[in-house]
Amino acid sequence: MFGLVGYAVGTEVSIQPSLVARLVGSISIFALLISVYACMSIIDMRSRQETVLSKLVALAQERSATLKQLRADQYAEPDVGVVGAYLAKIRRDGVGKHAGMKQRLDEVSADTAALVVLLEMHEPQAQSEAFKRESKRFRRYAAAWLDRWNSVMEVFMLGGNYPSMEVPYPTGFDEALAIEAAEAG
């Protein structure tokens, strides 16, 4: 038996060695569990970031492919971007005839909004300054593009037109995204 003297009370307390061993063992197991949990959290955070980045890449490619389809001869109009082309087509032929084009533009709009959310999630862990810079440019572009698309029916109803130039896409975004994905992967 161990003999400990209680300094505050002035009495001797007896503790059995088996109790001390169990207490130390419990504390050790608890500390080990905390370490394992911390490691799992770090791994989970990294895999979540890799998932966010992979979703960013896939969504950017999907959006780009949809826009490429919308710039094809079937949808294109001379001297205007895809939103201006849609506006010209619904003025000429009516809204119902271009439901497929509207659906594709809605997809681009949803993808654009989702990209902004994913960029906001990934940016704090971004490894590249170029990616951070291009991410901000893309968010400004996305806000302007979404404003333009969301106002198309209002412009149609009022008989107005958009400027002939489309909202300029940030030219370095795709490259910065590819570099960021390569560095992370």
Protein backbone atom coordinates (compact mmCIF):
# COMPACT_ATOMS: atom_id res chain seq x y z
CA MET A 1 0.00 0.00 0.00
CA PHE A 2 1.01 3.55 -0.75
CA GLY A 3 0.81 6.08 1.95
CA LEU A 4 -0.04 9.61 0.86
CA VAL A 5 -0.33 12.47 3.25
CA GLY A 6 -3.14 14.90 2.58
CA TYR A 7 -1.57 18.32 2.97
CA ALA A 8 -4.80 20.24 3.29
CA VAL A 9 -6.38 18.01 5.87
CA GLY A 10 -3.28 16.52 7.42
CA THR A 11 -4.51 12.93 7.25
CA GLU A 12 -2.95 9.92 5.63
CA VAL A 13 -4.78 8.38 2.64
CA SER A 14 -4.17 4.79 1.55
CA ILE A 15 -4.40 3.88 -2.15
CA GLN A 16 -3.99 0.36 -3.45
CA PRO A 17 -1.43 -0.14 -6.23
CA SER A 18 -3.99 -1.92 -8.44
CA LEU A 19 -6.24 1.14 -8.30
CA VAL A 20 -3.34 3.39 -9.32
CA ALA A 21 -2.47 1.05 -12.19
CA ARG A 22 -6.07 1.05 -13.42
CA LEU A 23 -6.28 4.81 -13.16
CA VAL A 24 -3.03 5.31 -15.10
CA GLY A 25 -4.18 2.74 -17.68
CA SER A 26 -7.53 4.51 -18.11
CA ILE A 27 -5.83 7.87 -18.57
CA SER A 28 -3.44 6.33 -21.13
CA ILE A 29 -6.32 4.78 -23.08
CA PHE A 30 -8.21 8.08 -22.99
CA ALA A 31 -5.16 9.95 -24.30
CA LEU A 32 -4.72 7.34 -27.04
CA LEU A 33 -8.37 7.70 -28.08
CA ILE A 34 -8.01 11.48 -28.27
CA SER A 35 -4.91 11.10 -30.48
CA VAL A 36 -6.69 8.63 -32.76
CA TYR A 37 -9.70 10.95 -33.01
CA ALA A 38 -7.45 13.91 -33.85
CA CYS A 39 -5.67 11.93 -36.57
CA MET A 40 -8.97 10.74 -38.01
CA SER A 41 -10.27 14.31 -38.03
CA ILE A 42 -7.19 15.51 -39.91
CA ILE A 43 -7.51 12.66 -42.43
CA ASP A 44 -11.24 13.31 -42.80
CA MET A 45 -10.59 17.03 -43.34
CA ARG A 46 -7.98 16.28 -46.00
CA SER A 47 -10.23 13.81 -47.80
CA ARG A 48 -13.10 16.29 -47.63
CA GLN A 49 -10.88 18.95 -49.21
CA GLU A 50 -9.79 16.47 -51.90
CA THR A 51 -13.47 15.71 -52.51
CA VAL A 52 -14.31 19.42 -52.73
CA LEU A 53 -11.44 19.96 -55.15
CA SER A 54 -12.38 16.97 -57.30
CA LYS A 55 -15.99 18.21 -57.39
CA LEU A 56 -14.71 21.66 -58.37
CA VAL A 57 -12.74 20.21 -61.28
CA ALA A 58 -15.62 17.98 -62.45
CA LEU A 59 -18.21 20.74 -62.19
CA ALA A 60 -16.01 23.27 -64.00
CA GLN A 61 -15.54 20.77 -66.83
CA GLU A 62 -19.27 20.01 -66.97
CA ARG A 63 -20.12 23.72 -67.07
CA SER A 64 -17.56 24.32 -69.79
CA ALA A 65 -18.94 21.45 -71.89
CA THR A 66 -22.50 22.78 -71.55
CA LEU A 67 -21.40 26.28 -72.57
CA LYS A 68 -19.56 24.79 -75.55
CA GLN A 69 -22.81 23.12 -76.64
CA LEU A 70 -24.65 26.43 -76.24
CA ARG A 71 -22.11 28.15 -78.49
CA ALA A 72 -22.70 25.60 -81.26
CA ASP A 73 -24.50 26.67 -84.45
CA GLN A 74 -27.78 25.20 -83.22
CA TYR A 75 -28.00 27.77 -80.40
CA ALA A 76 -25.67 30.59 -81.43
CA GLU A 77 -26.71 33.99 -82.68
CA PRO A 78 -24.29 36.41 -84.35
CA ASP A 79 -22.47 38.93 -82.17
CA VAL A 80 -24.03 38.00 -78.81
CA GLY A 81 -23.17 35.59 -76.00
CA VAL A 82 -25.28 32.63 -74.97
CA VAL A 83 -27.70 34.63 -72.81
CA GLY A 84 -28.11 37.25 -75.55
CA ALA A 85 -28.67 34.43 -78.06
CA TYR A 86 -31.43 32.99 -75.89
CA LEU A 87 -33.05 36.42 -75.61
CA ALA A 88 -32.93 36.89 -79.41
CA LYS A 89 -34.38 33.42 -80.02
CA ILE A 90 -37.29 33.76 -77.60
CA ARG A 91 -38.12 37.16 -79.11
CA ARG A 92 -38.12 35.73 -82.61
CA ASP A 93 -39.68 32.28 -82.03
CA GLY A 94 -41.33 32.40 -78.60
CA VAL A 95 -40.29 30.98 -75.25
CA GLY A 96 -41.76 27.51 -75.81
CA LYS A 97 -39.62 26.73 -78.85
CA HIS A 98 -36.40 27.16 -76.87
CA ALA A 99 -37.18 25.19 -73.72
CA GLY A 100 -34.14 22.94 -74.33
CA MET A 101 -31.83 25.94 -74.52
CA LYS A 102 -33.35 27.39 -71.36
CA GLN A 103 -32.83 24.08 -69.58
CA ARG A 104 -29.15 24.06 -70.57
CA LEU A 105 -28.76 27.68 -69.45
CA ASP A 106 -30.43 26.78 -66.15
CA GLU A 107 -27.85 23.97 -65.78
CA VAL A 108 -25.03 26.45 -66.41
CA SER A 109 -26.57 28.78 -63.85
CA ALA A 110 -26.84 26.02 -61.21
CA ASP A 111 -23.29 24.84 -61.96
CA THR A 112 -22.01 28.41 -61.66
CA ALA A 113 -23.67 28.87 -58.26
CA ALA A 114 -22.36 25.48 -57.07
CA LEU A 115 -18.84 26.38 -58.22
CA VAL A 116 -18.95 29.55 -56.14
CA VAL A 117 -19.94 27.53 -53.05
CA LEU A 118 -17.19 24.96 -53.66
CA LEU A 119 -14.63 27.73 -54.20
CA GLU A 120 -15.64 29.30 -50.89
CA MET A 121 -15.19 25.92 -49.19
CA HIS A 122 -11.79 25.20 -50.72
CA GLU A 123 -10.16 28.63 -50.72
CA PRO A 124 -9.02 28.66 -47.04
CA GLN A 125 -6.98 25.49 -47.74
CA ALA A 126 -5.84 26.53 -51.22
CA GLN A 127 -2.14 25.95 -51.84
CA SER A 128 -1.63 28.31 -54.75
CA GLU A 129 -1.81 32.10 -54.68
CA ALA A 130 -2.77 31.99 -58.37
CA PHE A 131 -5.75 29.81 -57.50
CA LYS A 132 -6.86 32.22 -54.77
CA ARG A 133 -6.57 35.16 -57.17
CA GLU A 134 -8.41 33.39 -60.00
CA SER A 135 -11.01 32.11 -57.56
CA LYS A 136 -11.89 35.72 -56.65
CA ARG A 137 -12.06 36.62 -60.34
CA PHE A 138 -14.35 33.66 -61.02
CA ARG A 139 -16.68 34.69 -58.18
CA ARG A 140 -16.95 38.22 -59.65
CA TYR A 141 -17.60 36.70 -63.08
CA ALA A 142 -20.19 34.31 -61.62
CA ALA A 143 -22.07 37.14 -59.90
CA ALA A 144 -22.25 39.11 -63.16
CA TRP A 145 -23.20 36.03 -65.22
CA LEU A 146 -25.90 34.97 -62.77
CA ASP A 147 -27.30 38.53 -62.65
CA ARG A 148 -27.45 38.57 -66.43
CA TRP A 149 -29.16 35.17 -66.64
CA ASN A 150 -31.59 35.88 -63.79
CA SER A 151 -32.72 39.11 -65.44
CA VAL A 152 -33.32 37.64 -68.92
CA MET A 153 -37.12 37.37 -68.58
CA GLU A 154 -37.35 40.90 -67.19
CA VAL A 155 -35.31 42.22 -70.12
CA PHE A 156 -37.52 40.17 -72.49
CA MET A 157 -40.75 41.54 -71.00
CA LEU A 158 -39.48 45.13 -71.11
CA GLY A 159 -38.26 44.77 -74.70
CA GLY A 160 -34.68 45.59 -73.78
CA ASN A 161 -31.41 44.13 -74.98
CA TYR A 162 -28.13 43.12 -73.42
CA PRO A 163 -24.85 44.62 -74.52
CA SER A 164 -23.50 42.49 -77.35
CA MET A 165 -20.44 41.41 -75.39
CA GLU A 166 -20.78 38.46 -73.06
CA VAL A 167 -19.50 38.65 -69.45
CA PRO A 168 -15.76 37.94 -69.84
CA TYR A 169 -14.67 34.61 -68.36
CA PRO A 170 -11.52 34.78 -66.17
CA THR A 171 -8.98 33.32 -68.57
CA GLY A 172 -6.58 32.03 -65.92
CA PHE A 173 -9.19 30.18 -63.85
CA ASP A 174 -9.07 26.81 -65.62
CA GLU A 175 -5.27 26.67 -65.52
CA ALA A 176 -5.14 27.74 -61.85
CA LEU A 177 -7.73 25.08 -60.98
CA ALA A 178 -5.74 22.39 -62.82
CA ILE A 179 -2.54 23.40 -61.01
CA GLU A 180 -4.30 23.42 -57.64
CA ALA A 181 -5.70 19.94 -58.29
CA ALA A 182 -2.29 18.64 -59.38
CA GLU A 183 -0.60 20.05 -56.28
CA ALA A 184 -3.24 18.56 -53.97
CA GLY A 185 -3.39 15.18 -55.68
